[in-house]
Amino acid sequence: MKKVTQNQINILNHTFYDAANRFYCGDSEDMQILVKLGLMESAGRKSFVPDEYFTITALGIEFLGE
């Protein structure tokens, strides 16, 4: 697996431990890398927020050691 940066690990940690329903709002280059690695996936958009939501995958949870 490609090396994951500390910022990407922070996104995974925030999504798993702190985000409501494990949804992370907002796209970025780091998010797209996490999606390509299979650690996060798109959860679509919500009508009340224009940004895309993402959620952690089973592989992402395993990566965190959970």
C-alpha atoms as a PDB file:
ATOM      1  CA  MET A   1       0.000   0.000   0.000  1.00  0.00           C
ATOM      2  CA  LYS A   2       1.186   3.498  -0.796  1.00  0.00           C
ATOM      3  CA  LYS A   3       2.492   5.401   2.206  1.00  0.00           C
ATOM      4  CA  VAL A   4      -0.249   7.333   3.963  1.00  0.00           C
ATOM      5  CA  THR A   5       0.610  10.823   5.220  1.00  0.00           C
ATOM      6  CA  GLN A   6      -0.098  12.083   8.722  1.00  0.00           C
ATOM      7  CA  ASN A   7      -2.795  14.401   7.367  1.00  0.00           C
ATOM      8  CA  GLN A   8      -4.525  11.450   5.698  1.00  0.00           C
ATOM      9  CA  ILE A   9      -4.321   9.482   8.951  1.00  0.00           C
ATOM     10  CA  ASN A  10      -5.869  12.485  10.704  1.00  0.00           C
ATOM     11  CA  ILE A  11      -8.786  12.394   8.232  1.00  0.00           C
ATOM     12  CA  LEU A  12      -9.311   8.680   8.901  1.00  0.00           C
ATOM     13  CA  ASN A  13      -9.117   9.173  12.674  1.00  0.00           C
ATOM     14  CA  HIS A  14     -11.512  12.115  12.621  1.00  0.00           C
ATOM     15  CA  THR A  15     -13.996  10.231  10.443  1.00  0.00           C
ATOM     16  CA  PHE A  16     -13.920   7.102  12.586  1.00  0.00           C
ATOM     17  CA  TYR A  17     -13.778   8.622  16.071  1.00  0.00           C
ATOM     18  CA  ASP A  18     -15.301  12.103  15.877  1.00  0.00           C
ATOM     19  CA  ALA A  19     -17.498  12.605  12.816  1.00  0.00           C
ATOM     20  CA  ALA A  20     -21.260  12.230  13.184  1.00  0.00           C
ATOM     21  CA  ASN A  21     -22.296   8.866  11.721  1.00  0.00           C
ATOM     22  CA  ARG A  22     -18.719   8.551  10.375  1.00  0.00           C
ATOM     23  CA  PHE A  23     -19.396  11.039   7.585  1.00  0.00           C
ATOM     24  CA  TYR A  24     -16.616  13.437   6.631  1.00  0.00           C
ATOM     25  CA  CYS A  25     -17.694  16.507   4.677  1.00  0.00           C
ATOM     26  CA  GLY A  26     -15.325  17.905   2.103  1.00  0.00           C
ATOM     27  CA  ASP A  27     -13.193  16.801  -0.782  1.00  0.00           C
ATOM     28  CA  SER A  28      -9.464  17.349  -1.185  1.00  0.00           C
ATOM     29  CA  GLU A  29      -6.391  15.844  -2.826  1.00  0.00           C
ATOM     30  CA  ASP A  30      -5.788  13.847   0.375  1.00  0.00           C
ATOM     31  CA  MET A  31      -9.357  12.564   0.313  1.00  0.00           C
ATOM     32  CA  GLN A  32      -9.019  11.441  -3.301  1.00  0.00           C
ATOM     33  CA  ILE A  33      -5.857   9.517  -2.394  1.00  0.00           C
ATOM     34  CA  LEU A  34      -7.713   7.812   0.471  1.00  0.00           C
ATOM     35  CA  VAL A  35     -10.552   6.911  -1.919  1.00  0.00           C
ATOM     36  CA  LYS A  36      -8.088   5.494  -4.475  1.00  0.00           C
ATOM     37  CA  LEU A  37      -6.480   3.409  -1.716  1.00  0.00           C
ATOM     38  CA  GLY A  38      -9.929   2.093  -0.730  1.00  0.00           C
ATOM     39  CA  LEU A  39      -9.743   3.585   2.782  1.00  0.00           C
ATOM     40  CA  MET A  40     -12.599   6.049   2.213  1.00  0.00           C
ATOM     41  CA  GLU A  41     -15.538   6.172  -0.217  1.00  0.00           C
ATOM     42  CA  SER A  42     -18.033   8.722  -1.407  1.00  0.00           C
ATOM     43  CA  ALA A  43     -21.267   8.893   0.542  1.00  0.00           C
ATOM     44  CA  GLY A  44     -22.804  11.417  -1.852  1.00  0.00           C
ATOM     45  CA  ARG A  45     -24.163  14.867  -1.212  1.00  0.00           C
ATOM     46  CA  LYS A  46     -26.778  16.096   1.225  1.00  0.00           C
ATOM     47  CA  SER A  47     -29.349  18.692   0.215  1.00  0.00           C
ATOM     48  CA  PHE A  48     -28.361  21.078   3.013  1.00  0.00           C
ATOM     49  CA  VAL A  49     -24.587  21.142   2.253  1.00  0.00           C
ATOM     50  CA  PRO A  50     -23.058  21.637  -1.197  1.00  0.00           C
ATOM     51  CA  ASP A  51     -19.907  19.597  -0.451  1.00  0.00           C
ATOM     52  CA  GLU A  52     -19.571  15.861  -0.974  1.00  0.00           C
ATOM     53  CA  TYR A  53     -19.557  13.540   2.029  1.00  0.00           C
ATOM     54  CA  PHE A  54     -17.205  10.590   2.496  1.00  0.00           C
ATOM     55  CA  THR A  55     -17.206   7.635   4.853  1.00  0.00           C
ATOM     56  CA  ILE A  56     -14.510   5.275   6.046  1.00  0.00           C
ATOM     57  CA  THR A  57     -14.481   1.783   4.531  1.00  0.00           C
ATOM     58  CA  ALA A  58     -13.904  -1.538   6.259  1.00  0.00           C
ATOM     59  CA  LEU A  59     -10.350  -1.414   4.908  1.00  0.00           C
ATOM     60  CA  GLY A  60      -9.923   2.054   6.420  1.00  0.00           C
ATOM     61  CA  ILE A  61     -11.143   0.809   9.783  1.00  0.00           C
ATOM     62  CA  GLU A  62      -8.746  -2.132   9.553  1.00  0.00           C
ATOM     63  CA  PHE A  63      -5.933   0.288   8.669  1.00  0.00           C
ATOM     64  CA  LEU A  64      -6.610   2.139  11.942  1.00  0.00           C
ATOM     65  CA  GLY A  65      -6.316  -1.140  13.780  1.00  0.00           C
ATOM     66  CA  GLU A  66      -9.952  -1.257  14.869  1.00  0.00           C
END
